[in-house]
């Protein structure tokens, strides 16, 4: 029996992968926003315990959520 295969132009799941990558980026941005908000609430002792200087905190807080 002779079998032929038609080439596939795009996998059926490529659209799902696009949505998954968009979702992943949005979650990353949300995590950046949340952790920076938490960083802003730390006092000097907590920053020292974490090994973060006040200048480093200010640099991090100055970044936009997508970076």
PDB file of N, CA and C in Angstrom:
ATOM      1  N   UNK A   1       0.839  -1.161   0.000  1.00  0.00           N
ATOM      2  CA  UNK A   1       0.000   0.000   0.000  1.00  0.00           C
ATOM      3  C   UNK A   1       0.891   1.233   0.000  1.00  0.00           C
ATOM      4  N   UNK A   2       0.630   2.160  -0.879  1.00  0.00           N
ATOM      5  CA  UNK A   2       1.418   3.371  -1.018  1.00  0.00           C
ATOM      6  C   UNK A   2       0.791   4.482  -0.181  1.00  0.00           C
ATOM      7  N   UNK A   3       1.613   5.089   0.676  1.00  0.00           N
ATOM      8  CA  UNK A   3       1.102   6.159   1.529  1.00  0.00           C
ATOM      9  C   UNK A   3       1.782   7.470   1.158  1.00  0.00           C
ATOM     10  N   UNK A   4       1.022   8.515   1.143  1.00  0.00           N
ATOM     11  CA  UNK A   4       1.579   9.851   0.921  1.00  0.00           C
ATOM     12  C   UNK A   4       1.162  10.737   2.083  1.00  0.00           C
ATOM     13  N   UNK A   5       2.004  11.680   2.344  1.00  0.00           N
ATOM     14  CA  UNK A   5       1.720  12.600   3.436  1.00  0.00           C
ATOM     15  C   UNK A   5       1.589  14.002   2.871  1.00  0.00           C
ATOM     16  N   UNK A   6       0.545  14.677   3.287  1.00  0.00           N
ATOM     17  CA  UNK A   6       0.391  16.078   2.912  1.00  0.00           C
ATOM     18  C   UNK A   6       1.198  16.923   3.898  1.00  0.00           C
ATOM     19  N   UNK A   7       1.968  17.855   3.395  1.00  0.00           N
ATOM     20  CA  UNK A   7       2.720  18.703   4.320  1.00  0.00           C
ATOM     21  C   UNK A   7       1.759  19.575   5.131  1.00  0.00           C
ATOM     22  N   UNK A   8       2.080  19.749   6.374  1.00  0.00           N
ATOM     23  CA  UNK A   8       1.261  20.580   7.235  1.00  0.00           C
ATOM     24  C   UNK A   8       1.788  22.007   7.203  1.00  0.00           C
ATOM     25  N   UNK A   9       0.905  22.937   7.014  1.00  0.00           N
ATOM     26  CA  UNK A   9       1.348  24.322   6.963  1.00  0.00           C
ATOM     27  C   UNK A   9       1.687  24.848   8.355  1.00  0.00           C
ATOM     28  N   UNK A  10       0.852  24.559   9.332  1.00  0.00           N
ATOM     29  CA  UNK A  10       1.088  24.976  10.709  1.00  0.00           C
ATOM     30  C   UNK A  10       0.524  23.920  11.635  1.00  0.00           C
ATOM     31  N   UNK A  11       1.189  23.680  12.721  1.00  0.00           N
ATOM     32  CA  UNK A  11       0.630  22.746  13.683  1.00  0.00           C
ATOM     33  C   UNK A  11      -0.669  23.290  14.262  1.00  0.00           C
ATOM     34  N   UNK A  12      -1.572  22.413  14.583  1.00  0.00           N
ATOM     35  CA  UNK A  12      -2.870  22.825  15.110  1.00  0.00           C
ATOM     36  C   UNK A  12      -2.730  23.520  16.459  1.00  0.00           C
ATOM     37  N   UNK A  13      -1.691  23.230  17.195  1.00  0.00           N
ATOM     38  CA  UNK A  13      -1.536  23.795  18.526  1.00  0.00           C
ATOM     39  C   UNK A  13      -0.728  25.087  18.546  1.00  0.00           C
ATOM     40  N   UNK A  14      -0.359  25.634  17.408  1.00  0.00           N
ATOM     41  CA  UNK A  14       0.461  26.847  17.407  1.00  0.00           C
ATOM     42  C   UNK A  14      -0.285  28.031  18.023  1.00  0.00           C
ATOM     43  N   UNK A  15      -1.590  28.108  17.808  1.00  0.00           N
ATOM     44  CA  UNK A  15      -2.372  29.185  18.405  1.00  0.00           C
ATOM     45  C   UNK A  15      -2.372  29.059  19.917  1.00  0.00           C
ATOM     46  N   UNK A  16      -2.468  27.834  20.414  1.00  0.00           N
ATOM     47  CA  UNK A  16      -2.419  27.620  21.857  1.00  0.00           C
ATOM     48  C   UNK A  16      -1.078  28.063  22.421  1.00  0.00           C
ATOM     49  N   UNK A  17       0.002  27.806  21.692  1.00  0.00           N
ATOM     50  CA  UNK A  17       1.326  28.206  22.155  1.00  0.00           C
ATOM     51  C   UNK A  17       1.453  29.718  22.195  1.00  0.00           C
ATOM     52  N   UNK A  18       0.843  30.407  21.246  1.00  0.00           N
ATOM     53  CA  UNK A  18       0.888  31.874  21.252  1.00  0.00           C
ATOM     54  C   UNK A  18       0.177  32.418  22.484  1.00  0.00           C
ATOM     55  N   UNK A  19      -0.994  31.882  22.789  1.00  0.00           N
ATOM     56  CA  UNK A  19      -1.729  32.329  23.975  1.00  0.00           C
ATOM     57  C   UNK A  19      -0.954  32.000  25.240  1.00  0.00           C
ATOM     58  N   UNK A  20      -0.303  30.860  25.253  1.00  0.00           N
ATOM     59  CA  UNK A  20       0.488  30.466  26.418  1.00  0.00           C
ATOM     60  C   UNK A  20       1.662  31.419  26.622  1.00  0.00           C
ATOM     61  N   UNK A  21       2.302  31.818  25.558  1.00  0.00           N
ATOM     62  CA  UNK A  21       3.425  32.742  25.692  1.00  0.00           C
ATOM     63  C   UNK A  21       2.942  34.125  26.142  1.00  0.00           C
ATOM     64  N   UNK A  22       1.802  34.563  25.658  1.00  0.00           N
ATOM     65  CA  UNK A  22       1.237  35.841  26.101  1.00  0.00           C
ATOM     66  C   UNK A  22       0.886  35.769  27.581  1.00  0.00           C
ATOM     67  N   UNK A  23       0.265  34.685  27.984  1.00  0.00           N
ATOM     68  CA  UNK A  23      -0.091  34.488  29.385  1.00  0.00           C
ATOM     69  C   UNK A  23       1.161  34.497  30.260  1.00  0.00           C
ATOM     70  N   UNK A  24       2.212  33.845  29.785  1.00  0.00           N
ATOM     71  CA  UNK A  24       3.457  33.785  30.534  1.00  0.00           C
ATOM     72  C   UNK A  24       4.056  35.179  30.726  1.00  0.00           C
ATOM     73  N   UNK A  25       4.033  35.992  29.698  1.00  0.00           N
ATOM     74  CA  UNK A  25       4.562  37.360  29.787  1.00  0.00           C
ATOM     75  C   UNK A  25       3.727  38.186  30.767  1.00  0.00           C
ATOM     76  N   UNK A  26       2.417  38.056  30.691  1.00  0.00           N
ATOM     77  CA  UNK A  26       1.551  38.803  31.600  1.00  0.00           C
ATOM     78  C   UNK A  26       1.787  38.404  33.056  1.00  0.00           C
ATOM     79  N   UNK A  27       1.973  37.122  33.294  1.00  0.00           N
ATOM     80  CA  UNK A  27       2.261  36.647  34.655  1.00  0.00           C
ATOM     81  C   UNK A  27       3.604  37.185  35.149  1.00  0.00           C
ATOM     82  N   UNK A  28       4.578  37.245  34.250  1.00  0.00           N
ATOM     83  CA  UNK A  28       5.893  37.785  34.606  1.00  0.00           C
ATOM     84  C   UNK A  28       5.767  39.255  35.015  1.00  0.00           C
ATOM     85  N   UNK A  29       5.007  40.035  34.241  1.00  0.00           N
ATOM     86  CA  UNK A  29       4.809  41.441  34.564  1.00  0.00           C
ATOM     87  C   UNK A  29       4.089  41.595  35.899  1.00  0.00           C
ATOM     88  N   UNK A  30       3.109  40.742  36.129  1.00  0.00           N
ATOM     89  CA  UNK A  30       2.367  40.786  37.393  1.00  0.00           C
ATOM     90  C   UNK A  30       3.297  40.472  38.571  1.00  0.00           C
ATOM     91  N   UNK A  31       4.160  39.491  38.395  1.00  0.00           N
ATOM     92  CA  UNK A  31       5.115  39.129  39.444  1.00  0.00           C
ATOM     93  C   UNK A  31       6.082  40.291  39.717  1.00  0.00           C
ATOM     94  N   UNK A  32       6.560  40.956  38.660  1.00  0.00           N
ATOM     95  CA  UNK A  32       7.433  42.124  38.837  1.00  0.00           C
ATOM     96  C   UNK A  32       6.730  43.195  39.664  1.00  0.00           C
ATOM     97  N   UNK A  33       5.506  43.472  39.321  1.00  0.00           N
ATOM     98  CA  UNK A  33       4.746  44.509  40.015  1.00  0.00           C
ATOM     99  C   UNK A  33       4.542  44.147  41.486  1.00  0.00           C
ATOM    100  N   UNK A  34       4.166  42.901  41.725  1.00  0.00           N
ATOM    101  CA  UNK A  34       3.907  42.458  43.095  1.00  0.00           C
ATOM    102  C   UNK A  34       5.182  42.487  43.953  1.00  0.00           C
ATOM    103  N   UNK A  35       6.284  41.966  43.427  1.00  0.00           N
ATOM    104  CA  UNK A  35       7.510  41.906  44.226  1.00  0.00           C
ATOM    105  C   UNK A  35       8.090  43.297  44.465  1.00  0.00           C
ATOM    106  N   UNK A  36       7.943  44.192  43.513  1.00  0.00           N
ATOM    107  CA  UNK A  36       8.420  45.562  43.725  1.00  0.00           C
ATOM    108  C   UNK A  36       7.560  46.292  44.750  1.00  0.00           C
ATOM    109  N   UNK A  37       6.283  46.006  44.749  1.00  0.00           N
ATOM    110  CA  UNK A  37       5.400  46.590  45.758  1.00  0.00           C
ATOM    111  C   UNK A  37       5.799  46.090  47.152  1.00  0.00           C
ATOM    112  N   UNK A  38       6.137  44.804  47.250  1.00  0.00           N
ATOM    113  CA  UNK A  38       6.589  44.252  48.524  1.00  0.00           C
ATOM    114  C   UNK A  38       7.941  44.836  48.930  1.00  0.00           C
ATOM    115  N   UNK A  39       8.831  45.019  47.962  1.00  0.00           N
ATOM    116  CA  UNK A  39      10.137  45.607  48.229  1.00  0.00           C
ATOM    117  C   UNK A  39       9.989  47.023  48.790  1.00  0.00           C
ATOM    118  N   UNK A  40       9.035  47.771  48.277  1.00  0.00           N
ATOM    119  CA  UNK A  40       8.814  49.142  48.733  1.00  0.00           C
ATOM    120  C   UNK A  40       8.374  49.187  50.194  1.00  0.00           C
ATOM    121  N   UNK A  41       7.778  48.112  50.685  1.00  0.00           N
ATOM    122  CA  UNK A  41       7.271  48.083  52.056  1.00  0.00           C
ATOM    123  C   UNK A  41       8.310  47.680  53.099  1.00  0.00           C
ATOM    124  N   UNK A  42       9.477  47.210  52.654  1.00  0.00           N
ATOM    125  CA  UNK A  42      10.496  46.746  53.598  1.00  0.00           C
ATOM    126  C   UNK A  42      11.143  47.921  54.322  1.00  0.00           C
ATOM    127  N   UNK A  43      11.396  47.724  55.621  1.00  0.00           N
ATOM    128  CA  UNK A  43      12.103  48.763  56.378  1.00  0.00           C
ATOM    129  C   UNK A  43      13.613  48.539  56.231  1.00  0.00           C
ATOM    130  N   UNK A  44      14.408  49.416  56.824  1.00  0.00           N
ATOM    131  CA  UNK A  44      15.869  49.345  56.674  1.00  0.00           C
ATOM    132  C   UNK A  44      16.451  48.042  57.219  1.00  0.00           C
ATOM    133  N   UNK A  45      15.926  47.574  58.340  1.00  0.00           N
ATOM    134  CA  UNK A  45      16.419  46.319  58.920  1.00  0.00           C
ATOM    135  C   UNK A  45      16.128  45.137  58.000  1.00  0.00           C
ATOM    136  N   UNK A  46      14.936  45.099  57.445  1.00  0.00           N
ATOM    137  CA  UNK A  46      14.576  44.011  56.526  1.00  0.00           C
ATOM    138  C   UNK A  46      15.421  44.057  55.255  1.00  0.00           C
ATOM    139  N   UNK A  47      15.692  45.250  54.757  1.00  0.00           N
ATOM    140  CA  UNK A  47      16.571  45.387  53.588  1.00  0.00           C
ATOM    141  C   UNK A  47      17.964  44.864  53.906  1.00  0.00           C
ATOM    142  N   UNK A  48      18.470  45.224  55.076  1.00  0.00           N
ATOM    143  CA  UNK A  48      19.803  44.769  55.482  1.00  0.00           C
ATOM    144  C   UNK A  48      19.832  43.245  55.611  1.00  0.00           C
ATOM    145  N   UNK A  49      18.776  42.667  56.174  1.00  0.00           N
ATOM    146  CA  UNK A  49      18.705  41.215  56.300  1.00  0.00           C
ATOM    147  C   UNK A  49      18.727  40.526  54.932  1.00  0.00           C
ATOM    148  N   UNK A  50      18.121  41.170  53.947  1.00  0.00           N
ATOM    149  CA  UNK A  50      18.075  40.613  52.593  1.00  0.00           C
ATOM    150  C   UNK A  50      19.327  40.938  51.790  1.00  0.00           C
ATOM    151  N   UNK A  51      20.182  41.805  52.342  1.00  0.00           N
ATOM    152  CA  UNK A  51      21.403  42.180  51.631  1.00  0.00           C
ATOM    153  C   UNK A  51      21.159  43.167  50.507  1.00  0.00           C
ATOM    154  N   UNK A  52      20.153  44.009  50.680  1.00  0.00           N
ATOM    155  CA  UNK A  52      19.790  44.994  49.658  1.00  0.00           C
ATOM    156  C   UNK A  52      20.021  46.385  50.232  1.00  0.00           C
ATOM    157  N   UNK A  53      20.725  47.222  49.489  1.00  0.00           N
ATOM    158  CA  UNK A  53      20.943  48.599  49.952  1.00  0.00           C
ATOM    159  C   UNK A  53      19.745  49.452  49.550  1.00  0.00           C
ATOM    160  N   UNK A  54      19.645  50.608  50.183  1.00  0.00           N
ATOM    161  CA  UNK A  54      18.560  51.530  49.849  1.00  0.00           C
ATOM    162  C   UNK A  54      18.675  51.991  48.391  1.00  0.00           C
ATOM    163  N   UNK A  55      19.902  52.170  47.922  1.00  0.00           N
ATOM    164  CA  UNK A  55      20.116  52.591  46.528  1.00  0.00           C
ATOM    165  C   UNK A  55      19.662  51.504  45.554  1.00  0.00           C
ATOM    166  N   UNK A  56      19.958  50.244  45.891  1.00  0.00           N
ATOM    167  CA  UNK A  56      19.516  49.139  45.037  1.00  0.00           C
ATOM    168  C   UNK A  56      17.995  49.062  44.999  1.00  0.00           C
ATOM    169  N   UNK A  57      17.372  49.288  46.151  1.00  0.00           N
ATOM    170  CA  UNK A  57      15.904  49.275  46.191  1.00  0.00           C
ATOM    171  C   UNK A  57      15.345  50.372  45.302  1.00  0.00           C
ATOM    172  N   UNK A  58      15.896  51.564  45.394  1.00  0.00           N
ATOM    173  CA  UNK A  58      15.409  52.680  44.580  1.00  0.00           C
ATOM    174  C   UNK A  58      15.586  52.405  43.088  1.00  0.00           C
ATOM    175  N   UNK A  59      16.705  51.785  42.713  1.00  0.00           N
ATOM    176  CA  UNK A  59      16.917  51.423  41.306  1.00  0.00           C
ATOM    177  C   UNK A  59      15.857  50.442  40.841  1.00  0.00           C
ATOM    178  N   UNK A  60      15.567  49.458  41.667  1.00  0.00           N
ATOM    179  CA  UNK A  60      14.577  48.441  41.300  1.00  0.00           C
ATOM    180  C   UNK A  60      13.178  49.045  41.221  1.00  0.00           C
ATOM    181  N   UNK A  61      12.854  49.908  42.152  1.00  0.00           N
ATOM    182  CA  UNK A  61      11.522  50.519  42.167  1.00  0.00           C
ATOM    183  C   UNK A  61      11.321  51.495  41.006  1.00  0.00           C
ATOM    184  N   UNK A  62      12.405  52.029  40.472  1.00  0.00           N
ATOM    185  CA  UNK A  62      12.307  52.978  39.361  1.00  0.00           C
ATOM    186  C   UNK A  62      12.036  52.283  38.024  1.00  0.00           C
ATOM    187  N   UNK A  63      12.215  50.968  37.968  1.00  0.00           N
ATOM    188  CA  UNK A  63      12.001  50.235  36.718  1.00  0.00           C
ATOM    189  C   UNK A  63      10.515  50.101  36.411  1.00  0.00           C
ATOM    190  N   UNK A  64      10.159  50.144  35.129  1.00  0.00           N
ATOM    191  CA  UNK A  64       8.764  49.859  34.764  1.00  0.00           C
ATOM    192  C   UNK A  64       8.463  48.374  34.966  1.00  0.00           C
ATOM    193  N   UNK A  65       7.201  48.032  35.087  1.00  0.00           N
ATOM    194  CA  UNK A  65       6.821  46.650  35.403  1.00  0.00           C
ATOM    195  C   UNK A  65       7.244  45.647  34.332  1.00  0.00           C
ATOM    196  N   UNK A  66       7.441  46.092  33.112  1.00  0.00           N
ATOM    197  CA  UNK A  66       7.786  45.137  32.042  1.00  0.00           C
ATOM    198  C   UNK A  66       9.278  44.836  31.976  1.00  0.00           C
ATOM    199  N   UNK A  67      10.073  45.456  32.836  1.00  0.00           N
ATOM    200  CA  UNK A  67      11.512  45.170  32.849  1.00  0.00           C
ATOM    201  C   UNK A  67      11.899  44.434  34.082  1.00  0.00           C
TER     202      UNK A  67
END
